C-alpha atoms as a PDB file:
ATOM      1  CA  MET A   1       9.991  -3.914   0.225  1.00  0.00           C
ATOM      2  CA  GLN A   2      10.573  -1.717   3.276  1.00  0.00           C
ATOM      3  CA  VAL A   3       7.013  -0.448   3.244  1.00  0.00           C
ATOM      4  CA  GLY A   4       5.785  -4.051   3.290  1.00  0.00           C
ATOM      5  CA  ALA A   5       7.554  -4.613   6.602  1.00  0.00           C
ATOM      6  CA  SER A   6       5.595  -1.752   8.146  1.00  0.00           C
ATOM      7  CA  PHE A   7       2.206  -3.472   7.850  1.00  0.00           C
ATOM      8  CA  PRO A   8       0.719  -4.555  11.189  1.00  0.00           C
ATOM      9  CA  THR A   9      -0.051  -8.169  10.235  1.00  0.00           C
ATOM     10  CA  GLU A  10       2.168 -10.922   8.881  1.00  0.00           C
ATOM     11  CA  ASN A  11      -0.491 -11.859   6.327  1.00  0.00           C
ATOM     12  CA  ARG A  12      -0.420  -8.377   4.801  1.00  0.00           C
ATOM     13  CA  ARG A  13       3.388  -8.180   4.934  1.00  0.00           C
ATOM     14  CA  GLN A  14       3.615 -11.480   3.052  1.00  0.00           C
ATOM     15  CA  TRP A  15       1.043 -10.343   0.477  1.00  0.00           C
ATOM     16  CA  VAL A  16       3.060  -7.179  -0.247  1.00  0.00           C
ATOM     17  CA  ARG A  17       6.304  -9.167  -0.637  1.00  0.00           C
ATOM     18  CA  GLU A  18       4.685 -11.709  -2.953  1.00  0.00           C
ATOM     19  CA  ARG A  19       3.001  -9.066  -5.079  1.00  0.00           C
ATOM     20  CA  ALA A  20       6.238  -7.092  -5.473  1.00  0.00           C
ATOM     21  CA  ARG A  21       8.085 -10.263  -6.447  1.00  0.00           C
ATOM     22  CA  ARG A  22       5.419 -11.143  -9.053  1.00  0.00           C
ATOM     23  CA  GLU A  23       5.528  -7.629 -10.524  1.00  0.00           C
ATOM     24  CA  PHE A  24       9.319  -7.691 -10.834  1.00  0.00           C
ATOM     25  CA  GLU A  25       9.326 -11.174 -12.336  1.00  0.00           C
ATOM     26  CA  ALA A  26       6.672 -10.196 -14.883  1.00  0.00           C
ATOM     27  CA  ALA A  27       8.826  -7.281 -16.065  1.00  0.00           C
ATOM     28  CA  ARG A  28      12.186  -9.062 -15.858  1.00  0.00           C
ATOM     29  CA  ASP A  29      12.781  -9.170 -19.609  1.00  0.00           C
ATOM     30  CA  GLU A  30      11.220  -5.817 -20.484  1.00  0.00           C
ATOM     31  CA  ARG A  31      13.550  -3.687 -22.636  1.00  0.00           C
ATOM     32  CA  ASP A  32      11.232  -1.088 -24.169  1.00  0.00           C
ATOM     33  CA  PRO A  33      12.169   2.304 -22.627  1.00  0.00           C
ATOM     34  CA  GLU A  34       8.586   3.616 -22.777  1.00  0.00           C
ATOM     35  CA  GLN A  35       7.222   0.515 -21.076  1.00  0.00           C
ATOM     36  CA  LEU A  36       9.980   0.666 -18.456  1.00  0.00           C
ATOM     37  CA  GLU A  37       9.104   4.303 -17.747  1.00  0.00           C
ATOM     38  CA  PHE A  38       5.443   3.327 -17.409  1.00  0.00           C
ATOM     39  CA  LEU A  39       6.286   0.475 -15.039  1.00  0.00           C
ATOM     40  CA  TYR A  40       8.499   2.769 -12.960  1.00  0.00           C
ATOM     41  CA  ARG A  41       5.718   5.349 -12.588  1.00  0.00           C
ATOM     42  CA  LEU A  42       3.211   2.604 -11.824  1.00  0.00           C
ATOM     43  CA  GLY A  43       5.541   1.274  -9.133  1.00  0.00           C
ATOM     44  CA  GLU A  44       5.842   4.737  -7.580  1.00  0.00           C
ATOM     45  CA  THR A  45       2.051   5.054  -7.478  1.00  0.00           C
ATOM     46  CA  GLN A  46       1.675   1.604  -5.936  1.00  0.00           C
ATOM     47  CA  LEU A  47       4.331   2.459  -3.347  1.00  0.00           C
ATOM     48  CA  GLU A  48       2.471   5.603  -2.309  1.00  0.00           C
ATOM     49  CA  THR A  49      -0.739   3.589  -2.009  1.00  0.00           C
ATOM     50  CA  LEU A  50       0.964   0.954   0.137  1.00  0.00           C
ATOM     51  CA  GLN A  51       2.443   3.633   2.391  1.00  0.00           C
ATOM     52  CA  LEU A  52      -1.018   5.122   2.979  1.00  0.00           C
ATOM     53  CA  GLN A  53      -2.528   1.685   3.599  1.00  0.00           C
ATOM     54  CA  SER A  54       0.230   0.848   6.061  1.00  0.00           C
ATOM     55  CA  GLN A  55      -0.340   4.057   8.003  1.00  0.00           C
ATOM     56  CA  HIS A  56      -4.098   3.527   8.058  1.00  0.00           C
ATOM     57  CA  LEU A  57      -3.955  -0.119   9.103  1.00  0.00           C
ATOM     58  CA  SER A  58      -1.313   0.569  11.756  1.00  0.00           C
ATOM     59  CA  ARG A  59      -3.559   3.266  13.183  1.00  0.00           C
ATOM     60  CA  LEU A  60      -6.560   0.929  13.233  1.00  0.00           C
ATOM     61  CA  PHE A  61      -4.586  -1.884  14.842  1.00  0.00           C
ATOM     62  CA  SER A  62      -3.303   0.457  17.545  1.00  0.00           C
ATOM     63  CA  LEU A  63      -6.823   1.402  18.651  1.00  0.00           C
ATOM     64  CA  SER A  64      -8.315  -0.283  21.695  1.00  0.00           C
ATOM     65  CA  GLN A  65     -11.509  -2.301  21.258  1.00  0.00           C
ATOM     66  CA  HIS A  66     -13.539   0.575  22.744  1.00  0.00           C
ATOM     67  CA  GLN A  67     -11.937   3.093  20.407  1.00  0.00           C
ATOM     68  CA  LEU A  68     -12.437   0.761  17.469  1.00  0.00           C
ATOM     69  CA  ALA A  69     -16.132   0.310  18.257  1.00  0.00           C
ATOM     70  CA  ASN A  70     -16.578   4.097  18.217  1.00  0.00           C
ATOM     71  CA  PHE A  71     -14.227   4.780  15.292  1.00  0.00           C
ATOM     72  CA  THR A  72     -15.537   7.093  12.591  1.00  0.00           C
ATOM     73  CA  TYR A  73     -13.846   8.414   9.510  1.00  0.00           C
ATOM     74  CA  GLU A  74     -13.288  12.134   9.432  1.00  0.00           C
ATOM     75  CA  LYS A  75     -14.533  13.669   6.232  1.00  0.00           C
ATOM     76  CA  ARG A  76     -11.881  15.904   4.721  1.00  0.00           C
ATOM     77  CA  PRO A  77     -12.560  18.350   1.884  1.00  0.00           C
ATOM     78  CA  GLU A  78      -9.896  16.787  -0.343  1.00  0.00           C
ATOM     79  CA  ASP A  79     -11.594  13.369  -0.103  1.00  0.00           C
ATOM     80  CA  GLY A  80     -14.248  14.516  -2.585  1.00  0.00           C
ATOM     81  CA  LEU A  81     -16.787  12.389  -0.734  1.00  0.00           C
ATOM     82  CA  ASP A  82     -20.219  13.915  -0.432  1.00  0.00           C
END
């Protein structure tokens, strides 16, 4: 939930809170150890994704209008984008 608070807009912060709540509620009664392990790993992956999104969106929101108009993505070798 802490990563949700780091998003630059209230709309996105609320979306993260609601999604996390839905995910926890859906798994509330889960008892299968393998499924619990899967859900734990899935949650870790989703957390990493949210952290990256938060950093990216915070960076975009901190740019001035002029900077935003001239913003380009830097291609990095690890992106795998050709």
